[in-house]
Protein backbone atom coordinates (compact mmCIF):
# COMPACT_ATOMS: atom_id res chain seq x y z
CA MET A 1 -76.76 -38.39 -52.55
CA LYS A 2 -74.90 -35.04 -52.82
CA LYS A 3 -71.51 -34.51 -51.24
CA ALA A 4 -72.88 -32.56 -48.29
CA ASP A 5 -75.50 -35.27 -47.60
CA ILE A 6 -72.98 -38.04 -47.64
CA ILE A 7 -70.60 -36.26 -45.30
CA ASN A 8 -73.45 -35.32 -43.00
CA SER A 9 -74.64 -38.95 -42.91
CA PHE A 10 -71.09 -40.04 -41.91
CA GLN A 11 -71.02 -37.42 -39.17
CA LYS A 12 -74.37 -38.59 -37.86
CA CYS A 13 -74.27 -42.43 -38.33
CA VAL A 14 -70.60 -43.59 -38.64
CA MET A 15 -68.22 -43.76 -35.73
CA ASN A 16 -65.53 -41.13 -35.87
CA THR A 17 -62.52 -43.44 -35.83
CA TYR A 18 -60.71 -42.10 -38.87
CA THR A 19 -59.10 -38.78 -39.89
CA ARG A 20 -60.96 -38.38 -43.14
CA GLU A 21 -60.19 -36.06 -46.13
CA PRO A 22 -63.33 -34.33 -47.49
CA LEU A 23 -63.22 -36.40 -50.66
CA ILE A 24 -65.88 -38.84 -51.79
CA MET A 25 -64.53 -41.56 -54.19
CA VAL A 26 -66.97 -43.22 -56.42
CA LYS A 27 -64.89 -45.14 -58.99
CA GLY A 28 -61.59 -46.88 -59.36
CA LYS A 29 -59.72 -48.39 -62.33
CA GLY A 30 -56.16 -49.38 -62.40
CA MET A 31 -53.95 -46.59 -61.00
CA ASN A 32 -56.74 -44.05 -60.81
CA VAL A 33 -59.73 -43.21 -58.60
CA THR A 34 -62.38 -40.70 -59.32
CA ASP A 35 -64.30 -38.51 -56.83
CA ILE A 36 -67.94 -37.49 -56.87
CA HIS A 37 -67.21 -34.46 -58.95
CA GLY A 38 -65.42 -36.42 -61.72
CA LYS A 39 -61.87 -35.38 -60.76
CA LYS A 40 -59.32 -38.19 -61.21
CA TYR A 41 -56.45 -38.91 -58.81
CA LEU A 42 -53.39 -40.91 -59.47
CA ASP A 43 -53.27 -43.41 -56.56
CA PHE A 44 -49.82 -44.12 -55.31
CA PHE A 45 -50.98 -45.51 -52.00
CA PRO A 46 -53.96 -47.72 -52.96
CA GLY A 47 -55.68 -48.67 -49.75
CA TRP A 48 -52.52 -49.07 -47.61
CA GLY A 49 -51.39 -51.58 -50.30
CA VAL A 50 -54.73 -53.47 -50.56
CA SER A 51 -55.10 -52.83 -54.21
CA ASN A 52 -51.70 -54.25 -55.17
CA VAL A 53 -52.82 -55.10 -58.70
CA GLY A 54 -54.72 -51.83 -59.17
CA HIS A 55 -58.32 -50.88 -58.64
CA CYS A 56 -60.90 -53.37 -60.09
CA HIS A 57 -58.45 -55.59 -61.89
CA PRO A 58 -60.25 -57.57 -64.59
CA LYS A 59 -58.94 -60.87 -63.28
CA VAL A 60 -60.18 -60.21 -59.70
CA MET A 61 -63.51 -58.98 -61.09
CA ALA A 62 -63.93 -62.03 -63.33
CA GLY A 63 -63.31 -64.36 -60.36
CA VAL A 64 -65.92 -62.54 -58.27
CA ARG A 65 -68.47 -62.53 -61.09
CA ASP A 66 -67.95 -66.28 -61.70
CA GLN A 67 -68.47 -67.12 -58.07
CA ILE A 68 -71.14 -64.63 -56.86
CA SER A 69 -73.94 -66.28 -58.79
CA THR A 70 -73.26 -69.79 -57.51
CA LEU A 71 -72.12 -69.69 -53.87
CA ILE A 72 -71.16 -66.64 -51.79
CA HIS A 73 -70.54 -68.13 -48.29
CA MET A 74 -69.95 -71.55 -46.84
CA PRO A 75 -69.10 -72.40 -43.17
CA ASN A 76 -65.81 -73.96 -42.63
CA ASN A 77 -67.22 -77.20 -41.38
CA PHE A 78 -67.78 -77.99 -45.08
CA TYR A 79 -65.23 -78.08 -48.03
CA HIS A 80 -65.36 -75.87 -51.12
CA PRO A 81 -62.99 -75.81 -54.09
CA SER A 82 -61.93 -72.18 -54.14
CA GLN A 83 -60.40 -72.40 -50.60
CA ALA A 84 -58.49 -75.51 -51.56
CA LYS A 85 -57.17 -73.89 -54.70
CA LEU A 86 -56.12 -70.72 -53.00
CA ALA A 87 -54.27 -72.58 -50.19
CA GLN A 88 -52.53 -74.65 -52.83
CA GLU A 89 -51.49 -71.52 -54.68
CA ILE A 90 -50.19 -69.83 -51.51
CA ILE A 91 -48.14 -72.97 -50.65
CA ARG A 92 -46.88 -73.31 -54.19
CA CYS A 93 -45.56 -69.75 -54.13
CA SER A 94 -44.09 -69.85 -50.56
CA PHE A 95 -43.04 -73.00 -48.66
CA LYS A 96 -44.59 -76.46 -47.78
CA GLY A 97 -47.12 -76.09 -45.07
CA LYS A 98 -50.82 -75.26 -44.37
CA VAL A 99 -52.92 -72.17 -44.38
CA PHE A 100 -55.50 -70.74 -41.97
CA PHE A 101 -57.83 -68.24 -43.47
CA CYS A 102 -59.32 -65.17 -41.81
CA ASN A 103 -60.40 -61.70 -42.77
CA SER A 104 -57.56 -59.17 -42.07
CA GLY A 105 -53.90 -58.70 -41.11
CA ALA A 106 -54.92 -58.08 -37.48
CA GLU A 107 -56.81 -61.42 -37.41
CA GLY A 108 -53.76 -63.09 -39.02
CA ASN A 109 -51.53 -61.76 -36.29
CA GLU A 110 -54.01 -62.81 -33.65
CA ALA A 111 -53.93 -66.32 -35.21
CA ALA A 112 -50.05 -66.29 -35.12
CA ILE A 113 -50.08 -65.25 -31.38
CA LYS A 114 -52.52 -68.03 -30.45
CA PHE A 115 -50.45 -70.54 -32.60
CA ALA A 116 -47.30 -69.52 -30.82
CA ARG A 117 -48.93 -69.90 -27.40
CA ALA A 118 -50.22 -73.34 -28.44
CA TYR A 119 -46.78 -74.32 -29.67
CA GLY A 120 -45.35 -73.35 -26.28
CA GLN A 121 -47.72 -75.88 -24.60
CA GLY A 122 -48.10 -73.72 -21.49
CA LYS A 123 -44.36 -73.78 -20.79
CA ARG A 124 -43.39 -70.90 -23.04
CA HIS A 125 -45.54 -67.97 -23.96
CA GLU A 126 -43.44 -64.77 -24.40
CA ILE A 127 -43.21 -63.18 -27.83
CA ILE A 128 -40.55 -60.73 -28.89
CA THR A 129 -41.64 -57.97 -31.14
CA MET A 130 -39.93 -54.76 -32.58
CA GLU A 131 -40.16 -51.14 -31.72
CA LYS A 132 -41.92 -49.08 -34.42
CA SER A 133 -43.71 -52.21 -35.61
CA PHE A 134 -47.37 -52.37 -36.50
CA HIS A 135 -49.37 -55.53 -36.31
CA GLY A 136 -53.00 -54.44 -36.03
CA ARG A 137 -55.63 -52.95 -33.82
CA THR A 138 -57.07 -55.94 -31.99
CA MET A 139 -56.06 -56.40 -28.43
CA GLY A 140 -53.41 -59.11 -29.06
CA ALA A 141 -52.07 -57.49 -32.18
CA LEU A 142 -52.03 -54.06 -30.44
CA SER A 143 -49.96 -55.67 -27.71
CA ALA A 144 -47.51 -56.90 -30.20
CA THR A 145 -47.29 -53.50 -31.87
CA GLY A 146 -44.23 -51.46 -30.87
CA GLN A 147 -45.71 -47.96 -31.08
CA ILE A 148 -47.16 -46.46 -27.90
CA GLN A 149 -49.52 -43.96 -29.63
CA TYR A 150 -51.84 -46.80 -30.82
CA LYS A 151 -52.13 -48.27 -27.27
CA GLU A 152 -53.15 -45.20 -25.39
CA GLY A 153 -56.61 -45.53 -23.63
CA PHE A 154 -56.71 -49.37 -23.96
CA ALA A 155 -54.82 -50.60 -20.88
CA PRO A 156 -54.57 -53.13 -19.53
CA LEU A 157 -53.35 -54.98 -22.69
CA PRO A 158 -52.61 -58.74 -22.84
CA GLN A 159 -49.15 -59.55 -21.31
CA GLY A 160 -46.31 -61.61 -22.61
CA PHE A 161 -44.76 -59.22 -25.22
CA LYS A 162 -41.24 -57.70 -25.25
CA HIS A 163 -40.47 -54.86 -27.60
CA ILE A 164 -36.83 -54.42 -28.76
CA PRO A 165 -34.97 -52.20 -31.14
CA PHE A 166 -35.22 -53.22 -34.81
CA ASN A 167 -32.13 -54.56 -36.55
CA ASP A 168 -30.33 -54.95 -33.15
CA ILE A 169 -29.24 -58.60 -32.63
CA LYS A 170 -27.67 -57.88 -29.21
CA ALA A 171 -31.07 -56.65 -28.03
CA PHE A 172 -32.69 -59.83 -29.31
CA LYS A 173 -30.23 -62.04 -27.58
CA ALA A 174 -30.68 -60.15 -24.37
CA ALA A 175 -34.46 -60.42 -24.57
CA VAL A 176 -34.56 -64.18 -25.13
CA ASN A 177 -35.21 -66.27 -21.97
CA PRO A 178 -36.62 -69.74 -21.16
CA LYS A 179 -40.23 -68.46 -21.65
CA THR A 180 -39.67 -67.13 -25.21
CA VAL A 181 -41.68 -68.96 -27.82
CA ALA A 182 -41.61 -66.68 -30.85
CA VAL A 183 -40.40 -63.50 -32.41
CA ILE A 184 -42.64 -61.48 -34.83
CA LEU A 185 -41.36 -58.85 -37.18
CA GLU A 186 -41.99 -57.05 -40.44
CA LEU A 187 -39.15 -57.37 -42.94
CA ILE A 188 -39.97 -53.75 -43.88
CA GLN A 189 -41.70 -51.71 -41.30
CA GLY A 190 -44.44 -49.88 -43.12
CA GLU A 191 -46.16 -47.82 -40.50
CA GLY A 192 -42.91 -47.50 -38.79
CA GLY A 193 -41.39 -45.45 -41.63
CA ILE A 194 -40.18 -47.94 -44.29
CA ASN A 195 -37.38 -49.32 -41.99
CA ILE A 196 -35.73 -52.30 -43.80
CA ALA A 197 -34.32 -55.32 -42.01
CA THR A 198 -30.71 -56.16 -42.90
CA GLN A 199 -29.64 -59.45 -44.35
CA GLU A 200 -27.26 -60.16 -41.43
CA TYR A 201 -29.96 -59.50 -38.92
CA ILE A 202 -32.57 -61.92 -40.51
CA GLU A 203 -29.92 -64.60 -41.00
CA THR A 204 -28.83 -64.35 -37.39
CA LEU A 205 -32.42 -64.37 -36.15
CA ARG A 206 -33.01 -67.57 -38.15
CA SER A 207 -29.92 -69.23 -36.65
CA ILE A 208 -30.83 -68.30 -33.00
CA CYS A 209 -34.44 -69.35 -33.47
CA ASP A 210 -33.34 -72.74 -34.80
CA ASP A 211 -30.97 -73.25 -31.91
CA LYS A 212 -33.50 -72.40 -29.31
CA ASP A 213 -36.70 -73.65 -30.93
CA ILE A 214 -38.20 -70.26 -31.19
CA LEU A 215 -40.76 -69.62 -33.90
CA LEU A 216 -39.63 -67.01 -36.47
CA ILE A 217 -42.80 -65.18 -37.66
CA PHE A 218 -42.75 -62.70 -40.62
CA ASP A 219 -45.64 -60.26 -40.75
CA GLU A 220 -46.02 -59.90 -44.53
CA VAL A 221 -49.37 -58.13 -44.42
CA GLN A 222 -47.92 -55.22 -46.32
CA THR A 223 -44.73 -56.64 -47.91
CA GLY A 224 -46.38 -59.82 -49.33
CA MET A 225 -48.09 -60.41 -52.73
CA GLY A 226 -45.36 -59.00 -54.85
CA ARG A 227 -44.84 -55.59 -53.10
CA THR A 228 -41.04 -56.00 -52.91
CA GLY A 229 -40.49 -57.63 -56.35
CA GLU A 230 -40.76 -61.17 -54.97
CA MET A 231 -44.08 -62.82 -54.27
CA PHE A 232 -43.13 -62.62 -50.57
CA ALA A 233 -40.46 -60.36 -49.12
CA TYR A 234 -38.70 -63.18 -47.25
CA LYS A 235 -37.51 -64.46 -50.60
CA ASN A 236 -35.31 -61.32 -50.94
CA TYR A 237 -33.40 -62.61 -47.81
CA LYS A 238 -33.50 -66.33 -48.72
CA VAL A 239 -34.57 -67.00 -45.20
CA GLN A 240 -37.74 -68.95 -44.65
CA PRO A 241 -39.99 -68.25 -41.59
CA ASP A 242 -41.86 -70.78 -39.51
CA LEU A 243 -45.08 -68.68 -39.75
CA MET A 244 -46.06 -66.00 -42.25
CA ILE A 245 -48.95 -63.65 -42.04
CA LEU A 246 -50.73 -62.32 -45.18
CA ALA A 247 -53.56 -59.91 -45.89
CA LYS A 248 -54.03 -56.59 -47.66
CA GLY A 249 -52.91 -57.35 -51.28
CA LEU A 250 -53.98 -60.96 -51.04
CA GLY A 251 -57.59 -60.09 -51.88
CA GLY A 252 -57.22 -57.43 -54.48
CA GLY A 253 -59.64 -55.18 -52.59
CA LEU A 254 -61.52 -57.95 -50.87
CA PRO A 255 -61.16 -58.63 -47.13
CA ILE A 256 -58.90 -61.60 -46.47
CA GLY A 257 -56.10 -62.62 -44.14
CA ALA A 258 -53.99 -65.74 -43.86
CA LEU A 259 -51.58 -67.49 -41.50
CA VAL A 260 -49.11 -69.84 -43.28
CA ALA A 261 -47.36 -72.44 -41.06
CA LYS A 262 -44.48 -74.62 -42.23
CA GLU A 263 -45.26 -78.29 -42.66
CA SER A 264 -43.51 -79.69 -39.59
CA ILE A 265 -45.59 -77.56 -37.11
CA ALA A 266 -48.83 -76.85 -39.05
CA ASP A 267 -50.83 -79.32 -37.00
CA THR A 268 -50.24 -77.35 -33.80
CA PHE A 269 -53.70 -76.07 -34.29
CA LYS A 270 -56.22 -78.79 -33.66
CA PRO A 271 -60.00 -78.75 -34.53
CA GLY A 272 -61.83 -76.24 -32.33
CA MET A 273 -58.68 -74.31 -31.23
CA HIS A 274 -59.22 -71.50 -33.66
CA ALA A 275 -61.80 -70.31 -36.22
CA SER A 276 -63.05 -67.44 -38.36
CA THR A 277 -66.71 -67.38 -39.52
CA PHE A 278 -66.03 -65.58 -42.83
CA GLY A 279 -62.40 -66.85 -43.31
CA GLY A 280 -61.69 -68.30 -46.70
CA SER A 281 -65.24 -67.89 -48.11
CA PRO A 282 -65.88 -69.01 -51.69
CA LEU A 283 -66.33 -65.46 -53.02
CA ILE A 284 -63.15 -63.96 -51.41
CA CYS A 285 -61.04 -66.98 -52.33
CA LYS A 286 -62.05 -66.71 -55.94
CA GLY A 287 -61.05 -63.01 -55.95
CA ALA A 288 -57.69 -63.82 -54.39
CA LEU A 289 -57.05 -66.44 -56.99
CA GLY A 290 -57.60 -63.68 -59.51
CA VAL A 291 -54.88 -61.64 -57.78
CA PHE A 292 -52.34 -64.45 -58.21
CA LYS A 293 -53.36 -64.86 -61.97
CA ALA A 294 -52.94 -61.00 -62.54
CA ILE A 295 -49.46 -60.99 -60.86
CA HIS A 296 -48.30 -64.06 -62.88
CA THR A 297 -49.82 -63.35 -66.28
CA ASP A 298 -49.19 -59.59 -66.29
CA LYS A 299 -45.57 -60.21 -65.16
CA MET A 300 -45.97 -57.83 -62.31
CA LEU A 301 -42.98 -59.07 -60.22
CA LYS A 302 -40.63 -58.11 -62.97
CA ASN A 303 -42.45 -54.76 -63.35
CA THR A 304 -42.17 -54.16 -59.62
CA LYS A 305 -38.34 -54.58 -59.71
CA THR A 306 -38.00 -52.36 -62.73
CA MET A 307 -40.26 -49.59 -61.73
CA GLY A 308 -39.06 -49.69 -58.08
CA GLN A 309 -35.57 -49.03 -59.16
CA TYR A 310 -36.74 -46.31 -61.57
CA LEU A 311 -38.79 -44.52 -58.90
CA ILE A 312 -36.01 -44.70 -56.34
CA LYS A 313 -33.55 -43.30 -58.90
CA GLN A 314 -35.93 -40.39 -59.70
CA LEU A 315 -36.44 -39.74 -55.92
CA GLU A 316 -32.70 -39.77 -55.28
CA GLU A 317 -32.40 -37.09 -57.96
CA LEU A 318 -34.98 -35.04 -56.06
CA LYS A 319 -32.96 -35.52 -52.94
CA GLN A 320 -29.95 -33.93 -54.55
CA LYS A 321 -32.00 -30.94 -55.61
CA TYR A 322 -33.98 -30.31 -52.45
CA SER A 323 -32.49 -30.31 -48.88
CA CYS A 324 -35.84 -31.16 -47.28
CA ILE A 325 -35.32 -34.77 -48.38
CA LYS A 326 -33.08 -36.56 -45.82
CA GLU A 327 -33.19 -40.16 -47.25
CA VAL A 328 -34.75 -42.33 -49.80
CA ARG A 329 -35.14 -46.08 -49.03
CA GLY A 330 -37.22 -49.00 -50.12
CA ILE A 331 -37.32 -52.34 -51.86
CA GLY A 332 -39.43 -52.85 -55.02
CA LEU A 333 -42.46 -50.60 -54.83
CA MET A 334 -42.45 -50.10 -51.07
CA ILE A 335 -40.65 -46.83 -50.82
CA GLY A 336 -40.14 -44.22 -48.15
CA VAL A 337 -38.90 -40.58 -48.49
CA GLU A 338 -37.71 -39.37 -45.12
CA LEU A 339 -37.97 -35.58 -44.76
CA ASN A 340 -36.09 -33.20 -42.47
CA SER A 341 -39.39 -31.74 -41.37
CA GLN A 342 -43.10 -32.68 -41.16
CA GLY A 343 -44.69 -34.16 -44.29
CA LYS A 344 -48.37 -33.43 -43.76
CA LYS A 345 -48.32 -30.27 -45.89
CA ILE A 346 -46.69 -32.21 -48.81
CA PHE A 347 -49.21 -34.97 -48.50
CA GLN A 348 -52.07 -32.52 -48.57
CA ASP A 349 -50.73 -30.44 -51.51
CA CYS A 350 -50.06 -33.59 -53.55
CA LEU A 351 -53.71 -34.61 -52.88
CA ASN A 352 -54.88 -31.31 -54.06
CA GLU A 353 -52.80 -31.77 -57.25
CA GLY A 354 -54.39 -35.12 -57.83
CA LEU A 355 -51.75 -37.48 -56.40
CA ILE A 356 -52.55 -39.75 -53.41
CA ILE A 357 -49.51 -40.73 -51.27
CA ASN A 358 -49.18 -41.19 -47.52
CA CYS A 359 -47.27 -39.66 -44.66
CA THR A 360 -46.28 -41.83 -41.68
CA GLN A 361 -44.28 -41.19 -38.54
CA GLY A 362 -44.79 -37.48 -39.22
CA ASN A 363 -41.94 -37.08 -41.76
CA VAL A 364 -41.86 -40.15 -44.00
CA LEU A 365 -43.71 -39.99 -47.24
CA ARG A 366 -44.78 -43.47 -48.42
CA LEU A 367 -45.21 -44.41 -52.03
CA MET A 368 -46.68 -47.86 -52.75
CA PRO A 369 -48.26 -47.75 -56.25
CA ALA A 370 -49.85 -50.84 -57.80
CA LEU A 371 -47.47 -53.42 -59.09
CA ASN A 372 -48.46 -52.74 -62.73
CA VAL A 373 -47.52 -48.94 -62.53
CA THR A 374 -46.13 -47.60 -65.78
CA LYS A 375 -43.24 -45.30 -66.43
CA LYS A 376 -45.58 -42.59 -67.59
CA GLN A 377 -47.61 -42.77 -64.35
CA ALA A 378 -44.31 -42.81 -62.28
CA ASP A 379 -43.11 -39.68 -64.12
CA LYS A 380 -46.45 -37.92 -63.45
CA ALA A 381 -46.20 -38.68 -59.68
CA ILE A 382 -42.54 -37.47 -59.50
CA TYR A 383 -43.66 -34.29 -61.46
CA ILE A 384 -46.41 -33.56 -58.96
CA LEU A 385 -44.22 -34.45 -55.90
CA GLU A 386 -41.38 -32.11 -57.13
CA LYS A 387 -43.92 -29.32 -57.97
CA VAL A 388 -45.22 -29.46 -54.47
CA ILE A 389 -41.69 -29.68 -52.83
CA LYS A 390 -40.43 -26.82 -54.96
CA THR A 391 -43.38 -24.62 -54.03
CA LEU A 392 -42.88 -25.23 -50.36
CA SER A 393 -39.07 -24.77 -50.59
């Protein structure tokens, strides 16, 4: 199909739920994607962080090839080895507990919401979440999300959620009442603009939750799987959650989500209380095991810390040169560049120059390259970004 035919087919047959760029990507390898005309793009925002280990990583592909010829799907009323191995690896890298598998971050958040309600045993049901948070597009996850623009047109939403300012412990204390059963938050708010939780805030939350038997739930859909230089972002804070939600980078490009519950409460879910038809299928689990192998054997956590520091340093230097940059912030390779004005033009011009980044909240540029990004690739991205900013300035 030619470019015009493909776009025409989308317009006729695919629901118009995305703001799409007129680009047709046909190939991806490592840090690069290639469009239908053969033009290569340096991808510094691979699938909203899905391709954490780069596009089509050999270890992910090897896992898929190995599995696809033997068993693709198996319902969860039977056992299969790949799901057992993946659950073991997640627990080995996090904390003692059990895993529920699903297909996305939104489903993982839905599972966490239901788990919290079940934990409350009908006596407690309210969940506290943060302003500027993002937890997914399903009705429950949307209710938990603290951004009004995503909710417009979908009322009435499920009740039982309170939204409070991020990093404000006084607001949290004021929101807690006898019906409170859980608090859900992202340690770094991605869609919210790369807002980072403080150490004191997280430590105090943990202390209050322990005192009042409130579940502390970390949404690590975007921060998990090495994005911050630790396998999971909570390790940067040395504060363990009661529940953790994973997705995006867990599958290396394949659709998977997971809810991890600590050992002492993991059996809150009983058989029949929750399910996911495709959750934890043999094929997807084998691909996810390839992601863990890639992160470990290629020493990606170390590279994430090193290259994260390097990129932030380079961006700070740009900030000194160009007044349009208000602030640079991030941990590892989850980096935000806050501007004094709208960033859509910078995003668009970078795209035209062959660099894929993201703009969120109108004025925050997001850079989230694969964990194996090289110095040469980082330098190229900074070169293009500076070229664009300089032209606009």
